[in-house]
């Protein structure tokens, strides 16, 4: 039977694994899968709040996992940023087009 502390380290390992899979999805521009994994990642992080803290020795092992997670996160953000910029531009264009159409239709409608 595993102890709660082993379970906590295993939980950090699971988060690191999800993070690595997210990086793979970002590298291959599989945005839908990335979003799905992001939700899974968020839930896993939230579950950490329910677990007991680690002792000093176990914190060293956790530090290595956290470093991997943060490195993956930085790479994911770098890969996602251009896609977010592209989507932002598209949304801005759509908003401008809608405003033009609303203005146009308001001038041709009978009153």
N, C-alpha and C. Protein backbone atom coordinates (compact mmCIF):
# COMPACT_ATOMS: atom_id res chain seq x y z
N UNK A 1 0.85 -1.19 0.00
CA UNK A 1 0.00 0.00 0.00
C UNK A 1 0.89 1.24 0.00
N UNK A 2 0.55 2.23 -0.78
CA UNK A 2 1.38 3.42 -0.85
C UNK A 2 1.01 4.39 0.26
N UNK A 3 2.02 5.11 0.72
CA UNK A 3 1.78 6.13 1.74
C UNK A 3 1.27 7.39 1.06
N UNK A 4 0.65 8.31 1.83
CA UNK A 4 0.19 9.56 1.21
C UNK A 4 1.32 10.34 0.55
N UNK A 5 2.53 10.30 1.13
CA UNK A 5 3.64 11.04 0.55
C UNK A 5 4.09 10.43 -0.77
N UNK A 6 4.09 9.09 -0.84
CA UNK A 6 4.40 8.45 -2.12
C UNK A 6 3.34 8.84 -3.15
N UNK A 7 2.12 8.88 -2.69
CA UNK A 7 1.03 9.27 -3.57
C UNK A 7 1.22 10.70 -4.07
N UNK A 8 1.68 11.59 -3.21
CA UNK A 8 1.90 12.98 -3.62
C UNK A 8 3.00 13.06 -4.67
N UNK A 9 4.10 12.36 -4.46
CA UNK A 9 5.17 12.35 -5.46
C UNK A 9 4.67 11.74 -6.78
N UNK A 10 3.89 10.69 -6.66
CA UNK A 10 3.32 10.09 -7.87
C UNK A 10 2.39 11.07 -8.58
N UNK A 11 1.70 11.86 -7.79
CA UNK A 11 0.80 12.86 -8.36
C UNK A 11 1.60 13.93 -9.11
N UNK A 12 2.70 14.37 -8.53
CA UNK A 12 3.57 15.33 -9.23
C UNK A 12 4.11 14.71 -10.52
N UNK A 13 4.45 13.43 -10.47
CA UNK A 13 4.93 12.74 -11.66
C UNK A 13 3.85 12.72 -12.73
N UNK A 14 2.61 12.46 -12.32
CA UNK A 14 1.50 12.45 -13.28
C UNK A 14 1.33 13.83 -13.91
N UNK A 15 1.46 14.89 -13.12
CA UNK A 15 1.36 16.25 -13.66
C UNK A 15 2.49 16.51 -14.65
N UNK A 16 3.69 16.06 -14.31
CA UNK A 16 4.83 16.22 -15.22
C UNK A 16 4.57 15.47 -16.53
N UNK A 17 3.97 14.30 -16.44
CA UNK A 17 3.65 13.52 -17.64
C UNK A 17 2.62 14.24 -18.51
N UNK A 18 1.59 14.80 -17.86
CA UNK A 18 0.58 15.57 -18.61
C UNK A 18 1.25 16.76 -19.29
N UNK A 19 2.12 17.44 -18.56
CA UNK A 19 2.83 18.60 -19.10
C UNK A 19 3.65 18.21 -20.33
N UNK A 20 4.31 17.08 -20.27
CA UNK A 20 5.11 16.61 -21.41
C UNK A 20 4.21 16.30 -22.61
N UNK A 21 3.05 15.70 -22.34
CA UNK A 21 2.11 15.42 -23.43
C UNK A 21 1.57 16.72 -24.02
N UNK A 22 1.33 17.72 -23.17
CA UNK A 22 0.87 19.02 -23.66
C UNK A 22 1.91 19.64 -24.58
N UNK A 23 3.17 19.52 -24.21
CA UNK A 23 4.25 20.06 -25.04
C UNK A 23 4.25 19.37 -26.40
N UNK A 24 4.07 18.06 -26.41
CA UNK A 24 4.02 17.32 -27.67
C UNK A 24 2.86 17.80 -28.53
N UNK A 25 1.71 18.03 -27.91
CA UNK A 25 0.54 18.52 -28.65
C UNK A 25 0.81 19.93 -29.21
N UNK A 26 1.45 20.78 -28.43
CA UNK A 26 1.77 22.14 -28.90
C UNK A 26 2.77 22.09 -30.05
N UNK A 27 3.76 21.22 -29.94
CA UNK A 27 4.76 21.10 -31.00
C UNK A 27 4.13 20.64 -32.31
N UNK A 28 3.11 19.79 -32.22
CA UNK A 28 2.46 19.29 -33.43
C UNK A 28 1.20 20.08 -33.79
N UNK A 29 1.00 21.21 -33.09
CA UNK A 29 -0.12 22.12 -33.33
C UNK A 29 -1.47 21.42 -33.26
N UNK A 30 -1.60 20.50 -32.33
CA UNK A 30 -2.87 19.82 -32.09
C UNK A 30 -3.59 20.57 -30.96
N UNK A 31 -4.17 21.72 -31.32
CA UNK A 31 -4.68 22.66 -30.33
C UNK A 31 -5.85 22.11 -29.54
N UNK A 32 -6.74 21.36 -30.17
CA UNK A 32 -7.89 20.80 -29.45
C UNK A 32 -7.42 19.82 -28.38
N UNK A 33 -6.47 18.98 -28.73
CA UNK A 33 -5.92 18.03 -27.76
C UNK A 33 -5.19 18.75 -26.64
N UNK A 34 -4.51 19.83 -27.00
CA UNK A 34 -3.80 20.63 -26.00
C UNK A 34 -4.79 21.21 -24.99
N UNK A 35 -5.91 21.72 -25.48
CA UNK A 35 -6.92 22.30 -24.58
C UNK A 35 -7.49 21.22 -23.67
N UNK A 36 -7.75 20.04 -24.22
CA UNK A 36 -8.28 18.93 -23.42
C UNK A 36 -7.28 18.55 -22.33
N UNK A 37 -6.02 18.44 -22.70
CA UNK A 37 -4.99 18.11 -21.71
C UNK A 37 -4.83 19.25 -20.70
N UNK A 38 -5.03 20.47 -21.14
CA UNK A 38 -4.94 21.61 -20.22
C UNK A 38 -5.97 21.50 -19.11
N UNK A 39 -7.17 21.07 -19.46
CA UNK A 39 -8.21 20.87 -18.44
C UNK A 39 -7.82 19.74 -17.48
N UNK A 40 -7.26 18.68 -18.02
CA UNK A 40 -6.79 17.56 -17.20
C UNK A 40 -5.66 18.03 -16.27
N UNK A 41 -4.76 18.84 -16.80
CA UNK A 41 -3.65 19.40 -16.02
C UNK A 41 -4.19 20.24 -14.86
N UNK A 42 -5.14 21.11 -15.17
CA UNK A 42 -5.73 21.99 -14.15
C UNK A 42 -6.36 21.17 -13.03
N UNK A 43 -7.11 20.13 -13.38
CA UNK A 43 -7.74 19.27 -12.38
C UNK A 43 -6.69 18.58 -11.51
N UNK A 44 -5.63 18.11 -12.13
CA UNK A 44 -4.57 17.43 -11.38
C UNK A 44 -3.89 18.39 -10.40
N UNK A 45 -3.66 19.62 -10.83
CA UNK A 45 -3.05 20.62 -9.95
C UNK A 45 -3.99 20.94 -8.79
N UNK A 46 -5.28 21.06 -9.07
CA UNK A 46 -6.25 21.34 -8.01
C UNK A 46 -6.29 20.23 -6.97
N UNK A 47 -6.09 18.97 -7.40
CA UNK A 47 -6.09 17.85 -6.45
C UNK A 47 -4.90 17.90 -5.51
N UNK A 48 -3.84 18.59 -5.91
CA UNK A 48 -2.66 18.71 -5.03
C UNK A 48 -3.02 19.37 -3.70
N UNK A 49 -3.98 20.26 -3.72
CA UNK A 49 -4.37 20.99 -2.51
C UNK A 49 -4.92 20.06 -1.43
N UNK A 50 -5.36 18.88 -1.81
CA UNK A 50 -5.96 17.94 -0.87
C UNK A 50 -4.94 16.99 -0.26
N UNK A 51 -3.71 17.04 -0.72
CA UNK A 51 -2.69 16.09 -0.28
C UNK A 51 -1.76 16.70 0.75
N UNK A 52 -1.18 15.85 1.58
CA UNK A 52 -0.26 16.31 2.63
C UNK A 52 1.06 16.78 2.04
N UNK A 53 1.73 17.74 2.72
CA UNK A 53 3.03 18.23 2.23
C UNK A 53 4.12 17.17 2.36
N UNK A 54 5.21 17.42 1.66
CA UNK A 54 6.36 16.50 1.65
C UNK A 54 7.39 16.93 2.68
N UNK A 55 8.25 15.96 3.06
CA UNK A 55 9.38 16.32 3.93
C UNK A 55 10.53 16.82 3.05
N UNK A 56 11.64 17.22 3.69
CA UNK A 56 12.76 17.83 2.95
C UNK A 56 13.33 16.93 1.87
N UNK A 57 13.52 15.64 2.18
CA UNK A 57 14.10 14.72 1.20
C UNK A 57 13.19 14.57 -0.02
N UNK A 58 11.91 14.48 0.24
CA UNK A 58 10.96 14.32 -0.86
C UNK A 58 10.81 15.61 -1.68
N UNK A 59 11.10 16.72 -1.06
CA UNK A 59 11.02 17.99 -1.78
C UNK A 59 12.07 18.07 -2.89
N UNK A 60 13.21 17.41 -2.68
CA UNK A 60 14.24 17.39 -3.73
C UNK A 60 13.70 16.68 -4.97
N UNK A 61 13.04 15.56 -4.76
CA UNK A 61 12.45 14.83 -5.89
C UNK A 61 11.36 15.68 -6.56
N UNK A 62 10.58 16.37 -5.74
CA UNK A 62 9.53 17.22 -6.28
C UNK A 62 10.13 18.38 -7.07
N UNK A 63 11.24 18.92 -6.59
CA UNK A 63 11.89 20.05 -7.28
C UNK A 63 12.25 19.67 -8.71
N UNK A 64 12.77 18.47 -8.90
CA UNK A 64 13.12 18.02 -10.26
C UNK A 64 11.88 17.95 -11.14
N UNK A 65 10.78 17.44 -10.58
CA UNK A 65 9.53 17.36 -11.34
C UNK A 65 9.00 18.76 -11.66
N UNK A 66 9.05 19.64 -10.68
CA UNK A 66 8.58 21.01 -10.90
C UNK A 66 9.41 21.72 -11.97
N UNK A 67 10.70 21.47 -11.97
CA UNK A 67 11.57 22.06 -12.99
C UNK A 67 11.16 21.59 -14.38
N UNK A 68 10.88 20.29 -14.51
CA UNK A 68 10.43 19.75 -15.80
C UNK A 68 9.10 20.38 -16.21
N UNK A 69 8.18 20.49 -15.24
CA UNK A 69 6.86 21.06 -15.52
C UNK A 69 7.00 22.50 -15.98
N UNK A 70 7.82 23.28 -15.28
CA UNK A 70 7.99 24.70 -15.64
C UNK A 70 8.70 24.86 -16.97
N UNK A 71 9.66 24.00 -17.25
CA UNK A 71 10.34 24.05 -18.56
C UNK A 71 9.35 23.74 -19.69
N UNK A 72 8.52 22.70 -19.47
CA UNK A 72 7.50 22.37 -20.47
C UNK A 72 6.54 23.54 -20.66
N UNK A 73 6.12 24.14 -19.54
CA UNK A 73 5.19 25.26 -19.60
C UNK A 73 5.77 26.42 -20.42
N UNK A 74 7.02 26.74 -20.19
CA UNK A 74 7.65 27.84 -20.93
C UNK A 74 7.70 27.53 -22.43
N UNK A 75 8.01 26.30 -22.78
CA UNK A 75 8.06 25.92 -24.20
C UNK A 75 6.66 25.93 -24.82
N UNK A 76 5.66 25.46 -24.06
CA UNK A 76 4.28 25.47 -24.56
C UNK A 76 3.84 26.89 -24.82
N UNK A 77 4.10 27.79 -23.88
CA UNK A 77 3.71 29.19 -24.05
C UNK A 77 4.37 29.79 -25.29
N UNK A 78 5.62 29.45 -25.52
CA UNK A 78 6.34 29.96 -26.69
C UNK A 78 5.70 29.44 -27.98
N UNK A 79 5.27 28.19 -27.97
CA UNK A 79 4.66 27.60 -29.16
C UNK A 79 3.23 28.09 -29.38
N UNK A 80 2.52 28.36 -28.31
CA UNK A 80 1.12 28.76 -28.40
C UNK A 80 0.97 30.25 -28.74
N UNK A 81 1.92 31.07 -28.35
CA UNK A 81 1.82 32.52 -28.53
C UNK A 81 1.50 32.92 -29.97
N UNK A 82 2.17 32.39 -30.99
CA UNK A 82 1.83 32.78 -32.36
C UNK A 82 0.39 32.40 -32.74
N UNK A 83 -0.08 31.26 -32.26
CA UNK A 83 -1.45 30.84 -32.55
C UNK A 83 -2.45 31.77 -31.86
N UNK A 84 -2.17 32.15 -30.64
CA UNK A 84 -3.04 33.09 -29.94
C UNK A 84 -3.06 34.45 -30.63
N UNK A 85 -1.92 34.90 -31.11
CA UNK A 85 -1.86 36.15 -31.87
C UNK A 85 -2.70 36.06 -33.14
N UNK A 86 -2.60 34.94 -33.82
CA UNK A 86 -3.37 34.73 -35.05
C UNK A 86 -4.86 34.75 -34.76
N UNK A 87 -5.27 34.05 -33.70
CA UNK A 87 -6.69 34.03 -33.33
C UNK A 87 -7.17 35.41 -32.91
N UNK A 88 -6.35 36.13 -32.19
CA UNK A 88 -6.70 37.49 -31.77
C UNK A 88 -6.92 38.38 -32.99
N UNK A 89 -6.04 38.25 -33.96
CA UNK A 89 -6.18 39.02 -35.21
C UNK A 89 -7.48 38.66 -35.92
N UNK A 90 -7.78 37.35 -36.00
CA UNK A 90 -9.01 36.91 -36.65
C UNK A 90 -10.24 37.45 -35.92
N UNK A 91 -10.22 37.39 -34.61
CA UNK A 91 -11.36 37.90 -33.84
C UNK A 91 -11.52 39.40 -34.03
N UNK A 92 -10.41 40.12 -34.09
CA UNK A 92 -10.47 41.56 -34.34
C UNK A 92 -11.07 41.86 -35.70
N UNK A 93 -10.68 41.07 -36.69
CA UNK A 93 -11.20 41.24 -38.04
C UNK A 93 -12.71 40.96 -38.08
N UNK A 94 -13.12 39.89 -37.42
CA UNK A 94 -14.54 39.54 -37.38
C UNK A 94 -15.34 40.64 -36.69
N UNK A 95 -14.81 41.17 -35.61
CA UNK A 95 -15.50 42.23 -34.89
C UNK A 95 -15.65 43.48 -35.76
N UNK A 96 -14.59 43.83 -36.48
CA UNK A 96 -14.65 45.00 -37.37
C UNK A 96 -15.67 44.77 -38.48
N UNK A 97 -15.68 43.56 -39.04
CA UNK A 97 -16.63 43.25 -40.10
C UNK A 97 -18.08 43.33 -39.59
N UNK A 98 -18.30 42.83 -38.41
CA UNK A 98 -19.64 42.89 -37.84
C UNK A 98 -20.07 44.33 -37.61
N UNK A 99 -19.17 45.16 -37.13
CA UNK A 99 -19.48 46.58 -36.91
C UNK A 99 -19.83 47.26 -38.22
N UNK A 100 -19.06 46.97 -39.27
CA UNK A 100 -19.33 47.56 -40.59
C UNK A 100 -20.70 47.10 -41.08
N UNK A 101 -21.00 45.80 -40.95
CA UNK A 101 -22.29 45.29 -41.40
C UNK A 101 -23.44 45.90 -40.62
N UNK A 102 -23.28 46.02 -39.32
CA UNK A 102 -24.33 46.64 -38.50
C UNK A 102 -24.55 48.09 -38.92
N UNK A 103 -23.48 48.80 -39.16
CA UNK A 103 -23.59 50.20 -39.59
C UNK A 103 -24.26 50.27 -40.96
N UNK A 104 -23.86 49.41 -41.86
CA UNK A 104 -24.43 49.39 -43.21
C UNK A 104 -25.93 49.10 -43.14
N UNK A 105 -26.30 48.02 -42.44
CA UNK A 105 -27.71 47.63 -42.38
C UNK A 105 -28.56 48.66 -41.65
N UNK A 106 -27.98 49.37 -40.70
CA UNK A 106 -28.78 50.39 -40.01
C UNK A 106 -29.09 51.57 -40.93
N UNK A 107 -28.28 51.78 -41.95
CA UNK A 107 -28.52 52.90 -42.87
C UNK A 107 -29.49 52.53 -43.99
N UNK A 108 -29.67 51.23 -44.30
CA UNK A 108 -30.54 50.85 -45.41
C UNK A 108 -31.90 50.34 -44.96
N UNK A 109 -32.09 50.13 -43.69
CA UNK A 109 -33.38 49.65 -43.19
C UNK A 109 -34.42 50.78 -43.28
N UNK A 110 -35.61 50.42 -43.69
CA UNK A 110 -36.67 51.45 -43.73
C UNK A 110 -37.06 51.83 -42.30
N UNK A 111 -37.38 53.08 -42.15
CA UNK A 111 -37.74 53.55 -40.80
C UNK A 111 -39.16 53.86 -40.64
